[in-house]
């Protein structure tokens, strides 16, 4: 069997680097690209995840105290929650829960 050793006296081109050097360089490039991957989660997605977590916790709470519910309904009907100092305290507590 005869092999071709170039055409018209022109030798076949040889690679500048050996295959092992070329493969090593490619592997380093792939590793470098992989180490630069980042995940960015928007603030809206973070807030939605927090809300979902809080809803799950709320669903697991089964102890409803009827006397506290009745007292809260009575206070609403009396207008107790319309007082500025009560509104301010409720807002502060909500802010503490969310912050």
N, C-alpha and C. Protein backbone atom coordinates (compact mmCIF):
# COMPACT_ATOMS: atom_id res chain seq x y z
N UNK A 1 0.84 -1.17 0.00
CA UNK A 1 0.00 0.00 0.00
C UNK A 1 0.89 1.23 0.00
N UNK A 2 0.52 2.20 -0.74
CA UNK A 2 1.33 3.41 -0.88
C UNK A 2 0.63 4.55 -0.15
N UNK A 3 1.40 5.38 0.52
CA UNK A 3 0.85 6.53 1.20
C UNK A 3 1.20 7.80 0.46
N UNK A 4 0.44 8.82 0.66
CA UNK A 4 0.72 10.10 0.02
C UNK A 4 1.60 10.90 0.96
N UNK A 5 2.70 11.39 0.46
CA UNK A 5 3.63 12.16 1.27
C UNK A 5 3.70 13.59 0.76
N UNK A 6 2.57 14.15 0.44
CA UNK A 6 2.56 15.50 -0.08
C UNK A 6 2.20 15.48 -1.54
N UNK A 7 1.87 16.59 -2.06
CA UNK A 7 1.49 16.70 -3.46
C UNK A 7 2.51 17.58 -4.17
N UNK A 8 3.05 17.07 -5.24
CA UNK A 8 3.99 17.84 -6.05
C UNK A 8 5.21 18.28 -5.28
N UNK A 9 5.66 17.45 -4.35
CA UNK A 9 6.88 17.78 -3.61
C UNK A 9 6.64 18.67 -2.40
N UNK A 10 5.40 19.08 -2.16
CA UNK A 10 5.08 19.93 -0.99
C UNK A 10 4.75 19.00 0.16
N UNK A 11 5.47 19.10 1.27
CA UNK A 11 5.22 18.19 2.39
C UNK A 11 3.86 18.49 3.05
N UNK A 12 3.29 17.46 3.66
CA UNK A 12 2.03 17.60 4.38
C UNK A 12 2.24 18.50 5.59
N UNK A 13 1.32 19.41 5.87
CA UNK A 13 1.51 20.32 7.00
C UNK A 13 1.51 19.57 8.32
N UNK A 14 2.34 20.02 9.22
CA UNK A 14 2.42 19.45 10.56
C UNK A 14 1.83 20.46 11.55
N UNK A 15 1.11 19.98 12.55
CA UNK A 15 0.55 20.92 13.54
C UNK A 15 1.66 21.62 14.32
N UNK A 16 1.36 22.87 14.75
CA UNK A 16 2.34 23.63 15.52
C UNK A 16 2.60 23.00 16.88
N UNK A 17 1.54 22.41 17.46
CA UNK A 17 1.65 21.81 18.79
C UNK A 17 1.21 20.36 18.71
N UNK A 18 1.69 19.59 19.64
CA UNK A 18 1.27 18.20 19.68
C UNK A 18 -0.17 18.11 20.18
N UNK A 19 -0.81 16.99 19.94
CA UNK A 19 -2.21 16.82 20.34
C UNK A 19 -2.39 16.96 21.84
N UNK A 20 -1.44 16.49 22.64
CA UNK A 20 -1.60 16.57 24.10
C UNK A 20 -1.56 18.02 24.58
N UNK A 21 -0.72 18.83 23.99
CA UNK A 21 -0.65 20.25 24.36
C UNK A 21 -1.94 20.95 23.94
N UNK A 22 -2.41 20.66 22.74
CA UNK A 22 -3.63 21.26 22.22
C UNK A 22 -4.83 20.88 23.11
N UNK A 23 -4.93 19.60 23.49
CA UNK A 23 -6.03 19.14 24.34
C UNK A 23 -5.97 19.76 25.72
N UNK A 24 -4.76 19.90 26.26
CA UNK A 24 -4.59 20.51 27.59
C UNK A 24 -5.08 21.96 27.56
N UNK A 25 -4.73 22.68 26.52
CA UNK A 25 -5.13 24.08 26.39
C UNK A 25 -6.66 24.17 26.29
N UNK A 26 -7.29 23.26 25.52
CA UNK A 26 -8.73 23.25 25.38
C UNK A 26 -9.39 22.97 26.73
N UNK A 27 -8.86 22.01 27.49
CA UNK A 27 -9.41 21.67 28.80
C UNK A 27 -9.33 22.86 29.76
N UNK A 28 -8.22 23.59 29.72
CA UNK A 28 -8.07 24.77 30.58
C UNK A 28 -9.09 25.83 30.21
N UNK A 29 -9.34 26.00 28.92
CA UNK A 29 -10.33 26.98 28.47
C UNK A 29 -11.72 26.60 28.95
N UNK A 30 -12.07 25.34 28.86
CA UNK A 30 -13.38 24.87 29.31
C UNK A 30 -13.52 25.07 30.81
N UNK A 31 -12.50 24.72 31.59
CA UNK A 31 -12.55 24.89 33.04
C UNK A 31 -12.68 26.37 33.40
N UNK A 32 -11.97 27.23 32.68
CA UNK A 32 -12.04 28.66 32.93
C UNK A 32 -13.43 29.19 32.67
N UNK A 33 -14.04 28.75 31.59
CA UNK A 33 -15.40 29.19 31.27
C UNK A 33 -16.39 28.70 32.31
N UNK A 34 -16.20 27.49 32.81
CA UNK A 34 -17.12 26.94 33.80
C UNK A 34 -17.00 27.68 35.13
N UNK A 35 -15.83 28.11 35.50
CA UNK A 35 -15.65 28.77 36.79
C UNK A 35 -16.20 30.19 36.79
N UNK A 36 -16.55 30.71 35.64
CA UNK A 36 -17.04 32.08 35.56
C UNK A 36 -18.56 32.15 35.49
N UNK A 37 -19.24 31.02 35.55
CA UNK A 37 -20.70 31.02 35.51
C UNK A 37 -21.26 31.60 36.79
N UNK A 38 -22.28 32.43 36.66
CA UNK A 38 -22.94 33.04 37.81
C UNK A 38 -24.45 32.88 37.66
N UNK A 39 -25.13 32.89 38.78
CA UNK A 39 -26.58 32.88 38.80
C UNK A 39 -27.02 34.14 39.53
N UNK A 40 -27.83 34.92 38.86
CA UNK A 40 -28.35 36.14 39.47
C UNK A 40 -29.86 35.97 39.64
N UNK A 41 -30.34 36.17 40.85
CA UNK A 41 -31.76 36.04 41.15
C UNK A 41 -32.29 37.44 41.42
N UNK A 42 -33.30 37.83 40.67
CA UNK A 42 -33.85 39.18 40.81
C UNK A 42 -34.46 39.38 42.19
N UNK A 43 -34.57 40.63 42.58
CA UNK A 43 -35.16 40.93 43.89
C UNK A 43 -36.63 40.53 43.91
N UNK A 44 -37.30 40.61 42.75
CA UNK A 44 -38.70 40.19 42.68
C UNK A 44 -38.82 38.69 42.94
N UNK A 45 -37.91 37.91 42.36
CA UNK A 45 -37.94 36.45 42.56
C UNK A 45 -37.62 36.11 44.02
N UNK A 46 -36.69 36.85 44.61
CA UNK A 46 -36.36 36.62 46.02
C UNK A 46 -37.56 36.94 46.91
N UNK A 47 -38.26 38.03 46.60
CA UNK A 47 -39.44 38.41 47.39
C UNK A 47 -40.55 37.36 47.23
N UNK A 48 -40.72 36.86 46.00
CA UNK A 48 -41.73 35.83 45.76
C UNK A 48 -41.39 34.55 46.52
N UNK A 49 -40.12 34.19 46.57
CA UNK A 49 -39.70 32.99 47.31
C UNK A 49 -39.95 33.18 48.80
N UNK A 50 -39.65 34.36 49.31
CA UNK A 50 -39.89 34.65 50.73
C UNK A 50 -41.38 34.57 51.05
N UNK A 51 -42.20 35.14 50.17
CA UNK A 51 -43.65 35.11 50.37
C UNK A 51 -44.16 33.67 50.34
N UNK A 52 -43.68 32.87 49.40
CA UNK A 52 -44.08 31.47 49.32
C UNK A 52 -43.70 30.72 50.60
N UNK A 53 -42.51 31.03 51.13
CA UNK A 53 -42.07 30.39 52.37
C UNK A 53 -42.98 30.79 53.53
N UNK A 54 -43.31 32.07 53.62
CA UNK A 54 -44.18 32.54 54.70
C UNK A 54 -45.58 31.95 54.58
N UNK A 55 -46.09 31.83 53.35
CA UNK A 55 -47.41 31.21 53.17
C UNK A 55 -47.40 29.75 53.58
N UNK A 56 -46.32 29.06 53.28
CA UNK A 56 -46.22 27.65 53.68
C UNK A 56 -46.23 27.53 55.19
N UNK A 57 -45.49 28.39 55.87
CA UNK A 57 -45.46 28.38 57.33
C UNK A 57 -46.85 28.70 57.89
N UNK A 58 -47.53 29.67 57.28
CA UNK A 58 -48.86 30.05 57.75
C UNK A 58 -49.86 28.90 57.58
N UNK A 59 -49.73 28.16 56.48
CA UNK A 59 -50.64 27.03 56.26
C UNK A 59 -50.42 25.92 57.28
N UNK A 60 -49.22 25.82 57.79
CA UNK A 60 -48.91 24.78 58.77
C UNK A 60 -49.40 25.13 60.17
N UNK A 61 -49.68 26.39 60.39
CA UNK A 61 -50.17 26.83 61.69
C UNK A 61 -51.65 26.48 61.80
N UNK A 62 -51.98 25.60 62.72
CA UNK A 62 -53.37 25.15 62.83
C UNK A 62 -54.07 25.68 64.08
N UNK A 63 -53.32 26.24 65.01
CA UNK A 63 -53.95 26.65 66.26
C UNK A 63 -54.55 28.06 66.13
N UNK A 64 -55.87 28.10 65.87
CA UNK A 64 -56.60 29.35 65.81
C UNK A 64 -57.33 29.50 67.14
N UNK A 65 -57.02 30.58 67.82
CA UNK A 65 -57.66 30.81 69.12
C UNK A 65 -58.93 31.64 68.91
N UNK A 66 -60.05 30.99 69.08
CA UNK A 66 -61.35 31.61 68.81
C UNK A 66 -61.56 32.87 69.65
N UNK A 67 -61.10 32.84 70.90
CA UNK A 67 -61.29 34.02 71.76
C UNK A 67 -60.52 35.24 71.25
N UNK A 68 -59.32 34.99 70.68
CA UNK A 68 -58.52 36.10 70.11
C UNK A 68 -59.16 36.63 68.84
N UNK A 69 -59.73 35.74 68.03
CA UNK A 69 -60.41 36.16 66.81
C UNK A 69 -61.64 37.00 67.17
N UNK A 70 -62.39 36.55 68.15
CA UNK A 70 -63.58 37.30 68.58
C UNK A 70 -63.19 38.67 69.13
N UNK A 71 -62.13 38.73 69.91
CA UNK A 71 -61.68 40.01 70.46
C UNK A 71 -61.23 40.95 69.35
N UNK A 72 -60.54 40.43 68.34
CA UNK A 72 -60.08 41.26 67.22
C UNK A 72 -61.27 41.79 66.41
N UNK A 73 -62.28 40.94 66.18
CA UNK A 73 -63.48 41.39 65.46
C UNK A 73 -64.19 42.50 66.22
N UNK A 74 -64.28 42.34 67.53
CA UNK A 74 -64.93 43.36 68.35
C UNK A 74 -64.15 44.67 68.30
N UNK A 75 -62.83 44.60 68.34
CA UNK A 75 -62.00 45.80 68.28
C UNK A 75 -62.15 46.50 66.93
N UNK A 76 -62.27 45.73 65.87
CA UNK A 76 -62.48 46.32 64.54
C UNK A 76 -63.82 47.03 64.48
N UNK A 77 -64.85 46.38 65.00
CA UNK A 77 -66.18 46.98 64.99
C UNK A 77 -66.24 48.25 65.83
N UNK A 78 -65.50 48.30 66.92
CA UNK A 78 -65.45 49.50 67.76
C UNK A 78 -64.63 50.61 67.12
N UNK A 79 -63.79 50.26 66.14
CA UNK A 79 -62.95 51.27 65.50
C UNK A 79 -61.61 51.47 66.19
N UNK A 80 -61.24 50.52 67.04
CA UNK A 80 -59.97 50.65 67.78
C UNK A 80 -58.75 50.74 66.85
N UNK A 81 -58.83 50.09 65.71
CA UNK A 81 -57.68 50.04 64.81
C UNK A 81 -57.55 51.28 63.93
N UNK A 82 -58.48 52.22 64.08
CA UNK A 82 -58.41 53.46 63.31
C UNK A 82 -57.65 54.55 64.05
N UNK A 83 -57.30 54.30 65.30
CA UNK A 83 -56.56 55.28 66.08
C UNK A 83 -55.14 55.37 65.54
N UNK A 84 -54.59 56.59 65.42
CA UNK A 84 -53.25 56.77 64.83
C UNK A 84 -52.16 55.96 65.53
N UNK A 85 -52.22 55.90 66.85
CA UNK A 85 -51.17 55.16 67.57
C UNK A 85 -51.25 53.66 67.30
N UNK A 86 -52.46 53.15 67.10
CA UNK A 86 -52.63 51.73 66.79
C UNK A 86 -52.15 51.45 65.36
N UNK A 87 -52.52 52.32 64.43
CA UNK A 87 -52.09 52.17 63.04
C UNK A 87 -50.57 52.18 62.96
N UNK A 88 -49.94 53.09 63.69
CA UNK A 88 -48.48 53.19 63.69
C UNK A 88 -47.84 51.91 64.26
N UNK A 89 -48.40 51.38 65.32
CA UNK A 89 -47.86 50.17 65.94
C UNK A 89 -48.03 48.96 65.00
N UNK A 90 -49.16 48.85 64.35
CA UNK A 90 -49.39 47.76 63.40
C UNK A 90 -48.40 47.86 62.24
N UNK A 91 -48.22 49.07 61.73
CA UNK A 91 -47.27 49.27 60.63
C UNK A 91 -45.85 48.89 61.06
N UNK A 92 -45.47 49.24 62.28
CA UNK A 92 -44.14 48.92 62.78
C UNK A 92 -43.96 47.40 62.87
N UNK A 93 -44.99 46.71 63.37
CA UNK A 93 -44.87 45.25 63.51
C UNK A 93 -44.81 44.56 62.15
N UNK A 94 -45.60 45.07 61.19
CA UNK A 94 -45.53 44.50 59.84
C UNK A 94 -44.15 44.71 59.24
N UNK A 95 -43.62 45.91 59.45
CA UNK A 95 -42.26 46.21 58.94
C UNK A 95 -41.22 45.30 59.58
N UNK A 96 -41.36 45.03 60.87
CA UNK A 96 -40.42 44.11 61.54
C UNK A 96 -40.50 42.70 60.95
N UNK A 97 -41.71 42.26 60.61
CA UNK A 97 -41.87 40.93 60.02
C UNK A 97 -41.27 40.85 58.63
N UNK A 98 -41.39 41.91 57.86
CA UNK A 98 -40.89 41.92 56.49
C UNK A 98 -39.41 42.23 56.39
N UNK A 99 -38.89 42.93 57.37
CA UNK A 99 -37.49 43.38 57.29
C UNK A 99 -36.57 42.38 57.79
